[in-house]
């Protein structure tokens, strides 16, 4: 069975209803990291804020999130119920990010022109021997040791 890393974009697309992570569960063993969960959480809060209040600064978005917390219940439930279920059920394994992975990410960032979080994802994949990534992020096309699995 093939190992597949789930990128932030796949979680976001799932939340938006454009893609189901369920479509990829039978294609291989699924992996991700806490930094992907954090980035997904942050981006989903920003998207929900823009949806309700229009395009505003991230500082204003923070204020809106704090003052309108019930509006974000679906985002919270996505993590508390869906992501936690995938992890607890063994469908999704959370990989540990170690110091040497971070240091490798700095080199990968420079070599492939990736921003830090994408470089950390690529370095994590390389460290754990994962060569397939489920993503809609075109930046990963530049990484020669990763094969993109586009969401269906």
Protein backbone atom coordinates (compact mmCIF):
# COMPACT_ATOMS: atom_id res chain seq x y z
CA UNK A 1 0.00 0.00 0.00
CA UNK A 2 1.26 3.48 -0.89
CA UNK A 3 1.88 6.26 1.63
CA UNK A 4 0.16 9.59 0.94
CA UNK A 5 0.68 12.89 2.76
CA UNK A 6 -2.40 15.12 3.11
CA UNK A 7 -1.66 18.81 2.61
CA UNK A 8 -3.62 21.73 4.02
CA UNK A 9 -5.34 22.37 0.69
CA UNK A 10 -7.02 18.94 0.78
CA UNK A 11 -8.47 19.59 4.23
CA UNK A 12 -9.68 23.04 3.12
CA UNK A 13 -11.24 21.65 -0.07
CA UNK A 14 -12.95 18.96 2.01
CA UNK A 15 -14.37 21.59 4.36
CA UNK A 16 -15.59 23.65 1.39
CA UNK A 17 -17.36 20.59 -0.01
CA UNK A 18 -15.21 20.50 -3.17
CA UNK A 19 -13.50 17.22 -2.31
CA UNK A 20 -13.89 14.37 0.15
CA UNK A 21 -10.92 12.95 1.99
CA UNK A 22 -12.94 9.73 1.92
CA UNK A 23 -12.09 9.48 -1.79
CA UNK A 24 -8.43 8.96 -0.97
CA UNK A 25 -8.64 6.71 2.11
CA UNK A 26 -8.67 3.52 0.00
CA UNK A 27 -5.73 4.68 -2.14
CA UNK A 28 -3.12 4.30 0.59
CA UNK A 29 -2.00 5.02 4.11
CA UNK A 30 -2.67 8.64 5.00
CA UNK A 31 -0.27 10.90 6.89
CA UNK A 32 -0.19 14.52 7.97
CA UNK A 33 1.32 16.72 10.67
CA UNK A 34 0.20 19.07 13.42
CA UNK A 35 1.49 22.06 11.43
CA UNK A 36 -0.88 21.10 8.59
CA UNK A 37 -3.77 20.92 11.07
CA UNK A 38 -2.81 24.32 12.47
CA UNK A 39 -2.55 25.88 9.03
CA UNK A 40 -5.91 24.37 8.05
CA UNK A 41 -7.50 25.68 11.24
CA UNK A 42 -6.09 29.18 10.68
CA UNK A 43 -7.01 29.33 6.99
CA UNK A 44 -10.52 28.04 7.64
CA UNK A 45 -11.06 30.73 10.28
CA UNK A 46 -9.88 33.38 7.82
CA UNK A 47 -12.12 32.00 5.04
CA UNK A 48 -15.16 31.95 7.35
CA UNK A 49 -14.38 35.50 8.48
CA UNK A 50 -14.14 36.76 4.91
CA UNK A 51 -17.38 34.94 4.09
CA UNK A 52 -19.27 36.72 6.88
CA UNK A 53 -17.51 40.09 7.16
CA UNK A 54 -15.80 40.58 3.80
CA UNK A 55 -12.10 40.91 3.14
CA UNK A 56 -10.50 42.35 6.25
CA UNK A 57 -7.05 42.33 7.83
CA UNK A 58 -5.86 39.31 9.82
CA UNK A 59 -5.91 41.43 12.98
CA UNK A 60 -9.54 42.36 12.42
CA UNK A 61 -10.26 38.71 11.61
CA UNK A 62 -8.85 37.76 15.01
CA UNK A 63 -11.22 40.21 16.71
CA UNK A 64 -14.17 38.87 14.71
CA UNK A 65 -13.22 35.29 15.62
CA UNK A 66 -13.07 36.12 19.33
CA UNK A 67 -16.33 38.14 19.35
CA UNK A 68 -18.31 35.77 17.09
CA UNK A 69 -17.01 32.39 18.21
CA UNK A 70 -20.29 30.52 17.64
CA UNK A 71 -20.12 31.39 13.93
CA UNK A 72 -17.05 29.13 13.69
CA UNK A 73 -18.65 26.06 15.28
CA UNK A 74 -18.51 24.08 12.02
CA UNK A 75 -14.75 24.67 11.84
CA UNK A 76 -14.31 23.53 15.44
CA UNK A 77 -16.50 20.48 14.85
CA UNK A 78 -14.50 19.55 11.75
CA UNK A 79 -11.41 19.11 13.92
CA UNK A 80 -13.09 17.76 17.04
CA UNK A 81 -15.20 15.23 15.20
CA UNK A 82 -13.87 14.49 11.71
CA UNK A 83 -10.10 14.93 11.95
CA UNK A 84 -9.95 13.47 15.45
CA UNK A 85 -12.02 10.48 14.27
CA UNK A 86 -9.65 9.85 11.34
CA UNK A 87 -6.67 9.91 13.70
CA UNK A 88 -8.28 7.86 16.49
CA UNK A 89 -9.61 5.30 13.98
CA UNK A 90 -6.13 4.88 12.48
CA UNK A 91 -7.11 6.18 9.04
CA UNK A 92 -4.73 9.14 9.41
CA UNK A 93 -1.37 9.00 11.14
CA UNK A 94 0.12 12.20 12.56
CA UNK A 95 3.86 12.36 11.94
CA UNK A 96 6.28 13.89 14.40
CA UNK A 97 8.38 16.81 13.23
CA UNK A 98 11.89 16.67 14.63
CA UNK A 99 14.69 19.22 14.69
CA UNK A 100 16.52 17.58 11.78
CA UNK A 101 13.36 17.75 9.67
CA UNK A 102 13.09 21.47 10.33
CA UNK A 103 16.75 21.99 9.42
CA UNK A 104 16.19 20.02 6.21
CA UNK A 105 13.17 22.24 5.47
CA UNK A 106 15.41 25.32 5.42
CA UNK A 107 17.51 23.76 2.65
CA UNK A 108 14.42 22.55 0.79
CA UNK A 109 12.89 26.04 1.02
CA UNK A 110 15.93 27.54 -0.66
CA UNK A 111 16.35 24.78 -3.26
CA UNK A 112 12.71 24.59 -4.40
CA UNK A 113 11.55 28.14 -3.67
CA UNK A 114 8.99 27.08 -1.08
CA UNK A 115 7.64 29.11 1.80
CA UNK A 116 8.51 27.69 5.24
CA UNK A 117 5.37 25.63 5.89
CA UNK A 118 5.44 23.98 2.45
CA UNK A 119 9.15 23.32 2.85
CA UNK A 120 8.47 21.73 6.23
CA UNK A 121 5.84 19.48 4.63
CA UNK A 122 8.25 18.47 1.86
CA UNK A 123 11.06 17.81 4.37
CA UNK A 124 8.70 15.72 6.49
CA UNK A 125 7.71 13.65 3.46
CA UNK A 126 11.36 13.15 2.54
CA UNK A 127 12.32 12.19 6.11
CA UNK A 128 9.57 9.56 6.35
CA UNK A 129 10.02 8.25 2.80
CA UNK A 130 6.65 9.49 1.57
CA UNK A 131 6.73 10.39 -2.12
CA UNK A 132 3.05 11.11 -2.80
CA UNK A 133 1.20 14.21 -1.62
CA UNK A 134 -2.50 14.94 -1.94
CA UNK A 135 -2.66 18.68 -2.64
CA UNK A 136 -4.04 21.40 -4.87
CA UNK A 137 -1.00 23.59 -4.20
CA UNK A 138 0.98 23.99 -7.45
CA UNK A 139 4.17 24.90 -5.54
CA UNK A 140 4.74 21.21 -4.80
CA UNK A 141 5.16 20.55 -8.54
CA UNK A 142 8.68 21.97 -8.20
CA UNK A 143 9.67 19.31 -5.67
CA UNK A 144 11.21 16.48 -7.68
CA UNK A 145 10.87 13.84 -4.97
CA UNK A 146 7.09 14.32 -4.56
CA UNK A 147 4.32 13.10 -6.83
CA UNK A 148 1.10 15.08 -6.61
CA UNK A 149 -2.18 13.30 -6.21
CA UNK A 150 -4.81 15.82 -7.22
CA UNK A 151 -8.14 15.71 -5.39
CA UNK A 152 -11.01 14.12 -7.32
